Amino acid sequence: MNYFDPKSVLLAKHAQHVVLIHFPIALFLTGVLFDFAGLRKPRPTLAAAAFANLMAAAISVPFVLTSGILAWRWQLEGQRLHGLLLFHLVLGCLTGLLIVAVAAIHFRARKAPSLPTYRLPLELLATLVVIATGHLGGFLSGVNIPS
């Protein structure tokens, strides 16, 4: 495989998931960071930045989940999942659900005077699940394997 040939990179059986996954992770973590920064210094710009990042993360979740399932179907030819790959799939689905739930809370509270406080523990939980899912994905891709 030529790493500098766009066709071979874009059409690789697994490459789309590996590339796409970074967008919702970065957008979600940035949105949570802006939300927590808004607690210290309540500014409308921080709330707007948090909202925009969380919405973009939630919009990208279905594409990433689909690309992960397609990578499994193409790369492993639909073999039965077990071990780390199964755990990664379960955590990935949970991560997607949590990201969409946090975004929905922010979306529904757009008209309310303030955001509900229960969102903060949910955002922390979602952050921990995102980290665990990404860590497992690193092992599956070979990035986190000790040499």
N, C-alpha and C. Protein backbone atom coordinates (compact mmCIF):
# COMPACT_ATOMS: atom_id res chain seq x y z
N MET A 1 0.84 -1.18 0.00
CA MET A 1 0.00 0.00 0.00
C MET A 1 0.89 1.24 0.00
N ASN A 2 0.59 2.16 -0.89
CA ASN A 2 1.31 3.42 -0.96
C ASN A 2 0.60 4.43 -0.06
N TYR A 3 1.28 4.90 0.98
CA TYR A 3 0.67 5.80 1.95
C TYR A 3 0.45 7.20 1.42
N PHE A 4 1.06 7.54 0.30
CA PHE A 4 0.91 8.87 -0.27
C PHE A 4 -0.09 8.90 -1.42
N ASP A 5 -0.66 7.76 -1.75
CA ASP A 5 -1.67 7.68 -2.81
C ASP A 5 -3.05 7.86 -2.17
N PRO A 6 -3.75 8.97 -2.47
CA PRO A 6 -5.05 9.21 -1.83
C PRO A 6 -6.06 8.09 -2.08
N LYS A 7 -6.01 7.49 -3.27
CA LYS A 7 -6.98 6.43 -3.58
C LYS A 7 -6.77 5.22 -2.66
N SER A 8 -5.54 4.82 -2.43
CA SER A 8 -5.30 3.65 -1.58
C SER A 8 -5.61 3.95 -0.12
N VAL A 9 -5.43 5.19 0.30
CA VAL A 9 -5.73 5.56 1.69
C VAL A 9 -7.23 5.66 1.91
N LEU A 10 -7.93 6.35 1.01
CA LEU A 10 -9.37 6.57 1.19
C LEU A 10 -10.20 5.33 0.96
N LEU A 11 -9.73 4.42 0.13
CA LEU A 11 -10.51 3.23 -0.18
C LEU A 11 -10.05 1.99 0.57
N ALA A 12 -9.14 2.14 1.53
CA ALA A 12 -8.74 1.00 2.34
C ALA A 12 -9.95 0.52 3.13
N LYS A 13 -10.02 -0.76 3.40
CA LYS A 13 -11.21 -1.34 4.01
C LYS A 13 -11.49 -0.80 5.41
N HIS A 14 -10.51 -0.35 6.13
CA HIS A 14 -10.71 0.07 7.51
C HIS A 14 -10.38 1.54 7.75
N ALA A 15 -9.82 2.24 6.79
CA ALA A 15 -9.25 3.56 7.02
C ALA A 15 -10.30 4.60 7.42
N GLN A 16 -11.50 4.50 6.91
CA GLN A 16 -12.48 5.53 7.18
C GLN A 16 -12.78 5.64 8.68
N HIS A 17 -12.94 4.53 9.37
CA HIS A 17 -13.24 4.57 10.79
C HIS A 17 -12.08 5.17 11.57
N VAL A 18 -10.89 4.76 11.24
CA VAL A 18 -9.71 5.25 11.95
C VAL A 18 -9.56 6.76 11.78
N VAL A 19 -9.93 7.28 10.63
CA VAL A 19 -9.83 8.71 10.39
C VAL A 19 -11.02 9.45 11.01
N LEU A 20 -12.22 8.96 10.80
CA LEU A 20 -13.43 9.66 11.26
C LEU A 20 -13.57 9.73 12.77
N ILE A 21 -13.06 8.76 13.48
CA ILE A 21 -13.31 8.67 14.92
C ILE A 21 -12.75 9.86 15.69
N HIS A 22 -11.73 10.51 15.15
CA HIS A 22 -11.11 11.62 15.86
C HIS A 22 -12.01 12.85 15.94
N PHE A 23 -12.92 13.00 14.99
CA PHE A 23 -13.78 14.18 14.97
C PHE A 23 -14.75 14.22 16.16
N PRO A 24 -15.56 13.20 16.39
CA PRO A 24 -16.46 13.30 17.54
C PRO A 24 -15.73 13.32 18.87
N ILE A 25 -14.59 12.63 18.95
CA ILE A 25 -13.83 12.65 20.20
C ILE A 25 -13.37 14.08 20.50
N ALA A 26 -12.72 14.70 19.53
CA ALA A 26 -12.20 16.06 19.73
C ALA A 26 -13.33 17.06 19.96
N LEU A 27 -14.39 16.96 19.17
CA LEU A 27 -15.50 17.89 19.32
C LEU A 27 -16.19 17.74 20.67
N PHE A 28 -16.40 16.49 21.11
CA PHE A 28 -17.07 16.27 22.38
C PHE A 28 -16.21 16.76 23.54
N LEU A 29 -14.93 16.38 23.55
CA LEU A 29 -14.07 16.79 24.66
C LEU A 29 -13.89 18.30 24.70
N THR A 30 -13.83 18.94 23.55
CA THR A 30 -13.74 20.40 23.51
C THR A 30 -15.03 21.03 24.01
N GLY A 31 -16.17 20.46 23.63
CA GLY A 31 -17.45 20.97 24.12
C GLY A 31 -17.57 20.85 25.63
N VAL A 32 -17.14 19.73 26.18
CA VAL A 32 -17.18 19.55 27.63
C VAL A 32 -16.24 20.54 28.30
N LEU A 33 -15.07 20.75 27.72
CA LEU A 33 -14.12 21.71 28.27
C LEU A 33 -14.72 23.11 28.29
N PHE A 34 -15.35 23.52 27.21
CA PHE A 34 -16.00 24.83 27.16
C PHE A 34 -17.15 24.91 28.18
N ASP A 35 -17.89 23.82 28.34
CA ASP A 35 -18.99 23.82 29.30
C ASP A 35 -18.47 24.00 30.73
N PHE A 36 -17.40 23.29 31.07
CA PHE A 36 -16.82 23.43 32.40
C PHE A 36 -16.16 24.79 32.59
N ALA A 37 -15.56 25.33 31.53
CA ALA A 37 -14.99 26.67 31.61
C ALA A 37 -16.08 27.70 31.84
N GLY A 38 -17.25 27.45 31.27
CA GLY A 38 -18.38 28.34 31.47
C GLY A 38 -18.91 28.35 32.89
N LEU A 39 -18.58 27.32 33.65
CA LEU A 39 -18.98 27.30 35.06
C LEU A 39 -18.15 28.30 35.86
N ARG A 40 -16.87 28.39 35.53
CA ARG A 40 -15.98 29.31 36.24
C ARG A 40 -16.24 30.76 35.85
N LYS A 41 -16.38 30.98 34.58
CA LYS A 41 -16.64 32.32 34.06
C LYS A 41 -17.85 32.26 33.15
N PRO A 42 -19.02 32.52 33.68
CA PRO A 42 -20.23 32.42 32.85
C PRO A 42 -20.25 33.49 31.75
N ARG A 43 -19.99 33.03 30.55
CA ARG A 43 -20.01 33.91 29.38
C ARG A 43 -20.82 33.24 28.29
N PRO A 44 -21.60 34.00 27.58
CA PRO A 44 -22.41 33.42 26.50
C PRO A 44 -21.57 32.80 25.39
N THR A 45 -20.37 33.32 25.16
CA THR A 45 -19.54 32.77 24.09
C THR A 45 -19.05 31.36 24.45
N LEU A 46 -18.75 31.12 25.72
CA LEU A 46 -18.34 29.78 26.13
C LEU A 46 -19.49 28.80 25.99
N ALA A 47 -20.68 29.22 26.37
CA ALA A 47 -21.85 28.35 26.24
C ALA A 47 -22.14 28.07 24.76
N ALA A 48 -21.99 29.08 23.92
CA ALA A 48 -22.23 28.89 22.49
C ALA A 48 -21.19 27.96 21.88
N ALA A 49 -19.94 28.09 22.30
CA ALA A 49 -18.89 27.21 21.80
C ALA A 49 -19.12 25.78 22.25
N ALA A 50 -19.51 25.60 23.51
CA ALA A 50 -19.82 24.26 24.02
C ALA A 50 -20.97 23.66 23.22
N PHE A 51 -22.01 24.43 23.01
CA PHE A 51 -23.18 23.96 22.27
C PHE A 51 -22.81 23.53 20.85
N ALA A 52 -22.05 24.37 20.16
CA ALA A 52 -21.68 24.08 18.77
C ALA A 52 -20.83 22.81 18.69
N ASN A 53 -19.87 22.66 19.57
CA ASN A 53 -19.01 21.47 19.56
C ASN A 53 -19.80 20.22 19.89
N LEU A 54 -20.68 20.28 20.88
CA LEU A 54 -21.46 19.11 21.26
C LEU A 54 -22.44 18.70 20.16
N MET A 55 -23.03 19.68 19.49
CA MET A 55 -23.95 19.36 18.39
C MET A 55 -23.19 18.72 17.22
N ALA A 56 -22.03 19.27 16.89
CA ALA A 56 -21.23 18.69 15.80
C ALA A 56 -20.78 17.27 16.15
N ALA A 57 -20.43 17.04 17.41
CA ALA A 57 -20.04 15.69 17.84
C ALA A 57 -21.21 14.73 17.69
N ALA A 58 -22.39 15.17 18.12
CA ALA A 58 -23.58 14.30 18.04
C ALA A 58 -23.95 14.01 16.59
N ILE A 59 -23.80 14.98 15.72
CA ILE A 59 -24.11 14.77 14.30
C ILE A 59 -23.15 13.77 13.67
N SER A 60 -21.89 13.76 14.11
CA SER A 60 -20.91 12.86 13.51
C SER A 60 -20.97 11.44 14.06
N VAL A 61 -21.65 11.23 15.17
CA VAL A 61 -21.71 9.90 15.80
C VAL A 61 -22.25 8.82 14.87
N PRO A 62 -23.37 9.02 14.18
CA PRO A 62 -23.88 7.93 13.31
C PRO A 62 -22.90 7.54 12.20
N PHE A 63 -22.17 8.50 11.66
CA PHE A 63 -21.20 8.20 10.61
C PHE A 63 -20.06 7.36 11.15
N VAL A 64 -19.61 7.69 12.36
CA VAL A 64 -18.50 6.96 12.96
C VAL A 64 -18.92 5.54 13.34
N LEU A 65 -20.10 5.40 13.92
CA LEU A 65 -20.59 4.06 14.26
C LEU A 65 -20.77 3.21 13.01
N THR A 66 -21.31 3.81 11.97
CA THR A 66 -21.47 3.08 10.71
C THR A 66 -20.12 2.67 10.13
N SER A 67 -19.16 3.57 10.17
CA SER A 67 -17.84 3.22 9.63
C SER A 67 -17.17 2.13 10.46
N GLY A 68 -17.40 2.10 11.77
CA GLY A 68 -16.85 1.04 12.61
C GLY A 68 -17.47 -0.31 12.29
N ILE A 69 -18.77 -0.32 12.10
CA ILE A 69 -19.45 -1.58 11.76
C ILE A 69 -19.01 -2.05 10.37
N LEU A 70 -18.88 -1.12 9.42
CA LEU A 70 -18.41 -1.50 8.09
C LEU A 70 -16.97 -2.00 8.12
N ALA A 71 -16.14 -1.40 8.96
CA ALA A 71 -14.76 -1.87 9.09
C ALA A 71 -14.74 -3.30 9.61
N TRP A 72 -15.59 -3.59 10.57
CA TRP A 72 -15.68 -4.96 11.09
C TRP A 72 -16.14 -5.91 9.99
N ARG A 73 -17.16 -5.51 9.23
CA ARG A 73 -17.70 -6.38 8.18
C ARG A 73 -16.67 -6.60 7.07
N TRP A 74 -15.93 -5.54 6.69
CA TRP A 74 -14.98 -5.65 5.60
C TRP A 74 -13.68 -6.29 6.05
N GLN A 75 -13.12 -5.80 7.14
CA GLN A 75 -11.81 -6.26 7.58
C GLN A 75 -11.86 -7.69 8.09
N LEU A 76 -12.86 -8.00 8.90
CA LEU A 76 -12.96 -9.34 9.49
C LEU A 76 -13.99 -10.21 8.81
N GLU A 77 -14.56 -9.70 7.73
CA GLU A 77 -15.54 -10.43 6.94
C GLU A 77 -16.70 -10.94 7.79
N GLY A 78 -17.12 -10.11 8.75
CA GLY A 78 -18.29 -10.43 9.56
C GLY A 78 -18.10 -11.53 10.58
N GLN A 79 -16.86 -11.85 10.93
CA GLN A 79 -16.63 -12.89 11.93
C GLN A 79 -17.28 -12.51 13.25
N ARG A 80 -17.55 -13.51 14.05
CA ARG A 80 -18.13 -13.27 15.38
C ARG A 80 -17.14 -12.46 16.22
N LEU A 81 -17.64 -11.42 16.87
CA LEU A 81 -16.79 -10.58 17.69
C LEU A 81 -16.56 -11.21 19.06
N HIS A 82 -15.38 -11.03 19.59
CA HIS A 82 -15.06 -11.50 20.94
C HIS A 82 -13.90 -10.68 21.48
N GLY A 83 -13.68 -10.74 22.76
CA GLY A 83 -12.54 -10.08 23.39
C GLY A 83 -12.59 -8.57 23.28
N LEU A 84 -11.42 -7.98 23.00
CA LEU A 84 -11.29 -6.53 22.95
C LEU A 84 -12.17 -5.89 21.88
N LEU A 85 -12.32 -6.56 20.76
CA LEU A 85 -13.12 -5.99 19.69
C LEU A 85 -14.59 -5.89 20.08
N LEU A 86 -15.10 -6.91 20.74
CA LEU A 86 -16.48 -6.86 21.23
C LEU A 86 -16.63 -5.78 22.29
N PHE A 87 -15.67 -5.70 23.21
CA PHE A 87 -15.71 -4.69 24.26
C PHE A 87 -15.63 -3.29 23.65
N HIS A 88 -14.81 -3.12 22.62
CA HIS A 88 -14.70 -1.84 21.93
C HIS A 88 -16.02 -1.46 21.26
N LEU A 89 -16.67 -2.44 20.65
CA LEU A 89 -17.96 -2.18 20.01
C LEU A 89 -19.01 -1.75 21.04
N VAL A 90 -19.07 -2.45 22.16
CA VAL A 90 -20.04 -2.11 23.21
C VAL A 90 -19.76 -0.72 23.76
N LEU A 91 -18.49 -0.45 24.08
CA LEU A 91 -18.14 0.87 24.59
C LEU A 91 -18.36 1.95 23.54
N GLY A 92 -18.11 1.64 22.27
CA GLY A 92 -18.34 2.60 21.21
C GLY A 92 -19.81 2.98 21.09
N CYS A 93 -20.68 1.99 21.18
CA CYS A 93 -22.12 2.27 21.14
C CYS A 93 -22.55 3.08 22.36
N LEU A 94 -22.01 2.73 23.53
CA LEU A 94 -22.31 3.48 24.75
C LEU A 94 -21.80 4.91 24.64
N THR A 95 -20.61 5.07 24.10
CA THR A 95 -20.04 6.40 23.89
C THR A 95 -20.95 7.23 22.98
N GLY A 96 -21.36 6.65 21.87
CA GLY A 96 -22.25 7.36 20.96
C GLY A 96 -23.55 7.77 21.62
N LEU A 97 -24.11 6.87 22.41
CA LEU A 97 -25.35 7.17 23.13
C LEU A 97 -25.15 8.31 24.12
N LEU A 98 -24.04 8.28 24.85
CA LEU A 98 -23.77 9.33 25.84
C LEU A 98 -23.51 10.68 25.17
N ILE A 99 -22.80 10.68 24.06
CA ILE A 99 -22.54 11.94 23.35
C ILE A 99 -23.85 12.54 22.86
N VAL A 100 -24.71 11.72 22.29
CA VAL A 100 -26.01 12.21 21.82
C VAL A 100 -26.87 12.67 22.99
N ALA A 101 -26.82 11.97 24.12
CA ALA A 101 -27.60 12.36 25.30
C ALA A 101 -27.15 13.72 25.84
N VAL A 102 -25.85 13.93 25.93
CA VAL A 102 -25.33 15.22 26.41
C VAL A 102 -25.73 16.33 25.44
N ALA A 103 -25.61 16.07 24.15
CA ALA A 103 -25.99 17.08 23.15
C ALA A 103 -27.49 17.37 23.24
N ALA A 104 -28.29 16.34 23.47
CA ALA A 104 -29.74 16.54 23.59
C ALA A 104 -30.08 17.39 24.81
N ILE A 105 -29.37 17.18 25.90
CA ILE A 105 -29.59 18.00 27.10
C ILE A 105 -29.29 19.46 26.79
N HIS A 106 -28.19 19.71 26.11
CA HIS A 106 -27.84 21.09 25.76
C HIS A 106 -28.84 21.66 24.75
N PHE A 107 -29.30 20.85 23.83
CA PHE A 107 -30.26 21.32 22.83
C PHE A 107 -31.60 21.68 23.47
N ARG A 108 -32.07 20.80 24.36
CA ARG A 108 -33.37 21.06 25.01
C ARG A 108 -33.30 22.24 25.96
N ALA A 109 -32.14 22.50 26.54
CA ALA A 109 -32.00 23.59 27.50
C ALA A 109 -31.73 24.93 26.81
N ARG A 110 -31.70 24.93 25.50
CA ARG A 110 -31.41 26.16 24.76
C ARG A 110 -32.42 27.26 25.08
N LYS A 111 -33.67 26.89 25.30
CA LYS A 111 -34.72 27.88 25.60
C LYS A 111 -34.86 28.12 27.10
N ALA A 112 -34.29 27.25 27.92
CA ALA A 112 -34.41 27.38 29.37
C ALA A 112 -33.44 28.44 29.89
N PRO A 113 -33.71 28.96 31.09
CA PRO A 113 -32.81 29.97 31.64
C PRO A 113 -31.42 29.43 31.98
N SER A 114 -31.34 28.16 32.34
CA SER A 114 -30.03 27.58 32.66
C SER A 114 -30.05 26.08 32.36
N LEU A 115 -28.85 25.55 32.23
CA LEU A 115 -28.71 24.12 31.98
C LEU A 115 -28.90 23.34 33.28
N PRO A 116 -29.43 22.12 33.19
CA PRO A 116 -29.58 21.31 34.41
C PRO A 116 -28.21 20.88 34.95
N THR A 117 -28.11 20.79 36.25
CA THR A 117 -26.81 20.45 36.86
C THR A 117 -26.46 18.97 36.69
N TYR A 118 -27.45 18.12 36.43
CA TYR A 118 -27.15 16.69 36.27
C TYR A 118 -26.34 16.41 35.00
N ARG A 119 -26.20 17.41 34.14
CA ARG A 119 -25.42 17.20 32.92
C ARG A 119 -23.94 17.04 33.22
N LEU A 120 -23.47 17.67 34.29
CA LEU A 120 -22.04 17.65 34.60
C LEU A 120 -21.53 16.24 34.92
N PRO A 121 -22.19 15.47 35.82
CA PRO A 121 -21.73 14.10 36.03
C PRO A 121 -21.87 13.25 34.76
N LEU A 122 -22.90 13.52 33.97
CA LEU A 122 -23.08 12.77 32.72
C LEU A 122 -21.95 13.09 31.74
N GLU A 123 -21.54 14.35 31.68
CA GLU A 123 -20.43 14.73 30.81
C GLU A 123 -19.12 14.08 31.29
N LEU A 124 -18.92 14.02 32.60
CA LEU A 124 -17.72 13.37 33.13
C LEU A 124 -17.73 11.87 32.83
N LEU A 125 -18.88 11.23 33.01
CA LEU A 125 -19.00 9.81 32.70
C LEU A 125 -18.74 9.56 31.22
N ALA A 126 -19.33 10.39 30.38
CA ALA A 126 -19.14 10.24 28.93
C ALA A 126 -17.68 10.45 28.56
N THR A 127 -17.00 11.38 29.21
CA THR A 127 -15.58 11.61 28.95
C THR A 127 -14.76 10.38 29.30
N LEU A 128 -15.06 9.76 30.44
CA LEU A 128 -14.34 8.55 30.84
C LEU A 128 -14.59 7.40 29.87
N VAL A 129 -15.82 7.27 29.40
CA VAL A 129 -16.14 6.20 28.45
C VAL A 129 -15.47 6.47 27.10
N VAL A 130 -15.41 7.74 26.69
CA VAL A 130 -14.71 8.10 25.45
C VAL A 130 -13.24 7.71 25.56
N ILE A 131 -12.62 8.01 26.71
CA ILE A 131 -11.21 7.68 26.90
C ILE A 131 -11.00 6.17 26.87
N ALA A 132 -11.86 5.42 27.55
CA ALA A 132 -11.72 3.96 27.58
C ALA A 132 -11.92 3.37 26.18
N THR A 133 -12.90 3.86 25.45
CA THR A 133 -13.16 3.36 24.10
C THR A 133 -11.98 3.66 23.18
N GLY A 134 -11.47 4.87 23.25
CA GLY A 134 -10.33 5.24 22.42
C GLY A 134 -9.08 4.44 22.78
N HIS A 135 -8.91 4.17 24.06
CA HIS A 135 -7.76 3.38 24.49
C HIS A 135 -7.83 1.96 23.92
N LEU A 136 -9.01 1.36 23.99
CA LEU A 136 -9.18 0.03 23.39
C LEU A 136 -8.98 0.07 21.88
N GLY A 137 -9.48 1.12 21.25
CA GLY A 137 -9.28 1.27 19.81
C GLY A 137 -7.81 1.38 19.46
N GLY A 138 -7.03 2.01 20.33
CA GLY A 138 -5.60 2.10 20.12
C GLY A 138 -4.94 0.73 20.15
N PHE A 139 -5.38 -0.14 21.07
CA PHE A 139 -4.85 -1.49 21.10
C PHE A 139 -5.24 -2.26 19.83
N LEU A 140 -6.47 -2.07 19.38
CA LEU A 140 -6.93 -2.80 18.20
C LEU A 140 -6.22 -2.33 16.93
N SER A 141 -5.86 -1.05 16.89
CA SER A 141 -5.18 -0.55 15.70
C SER A 141 -3.67 -0.76 15.76
N GLY A 142 -3.17 -1.16 16.92
CA GLY A 142 -1.74 -1.42 17.05
C GLY A 142 -0.96 -0.26 17.60
N VAL A 143 -1.62 0.86 17.90
CA VAL A 143 -0.94 2.04 18.39
C VAL A 143 -0.47 1.85 19.84
N ASN A 144 -1.29 1.23 20.68
CA ASN A 144 -0.98 1.10 22.11
C ASN A 144 -0.27 -0.20 22.47
N ILE A 145 0.19 -0.94 21.51
CA ILE A 145 0.86 -2.20 21.80
C ILE A 145 2.30 -1.92 22.19
N PRO A 146 2.73 -2.40 23.37
CA PRO A 146 4.11 -2.14 23.77
C PRO A 146 5.10 -2.86 22.85
N SER A 147 6.22 -2.20 22.59
CA SER A 147 7.19 -2.82 21.68
C SER A 147 8.35 -3.44 22.42
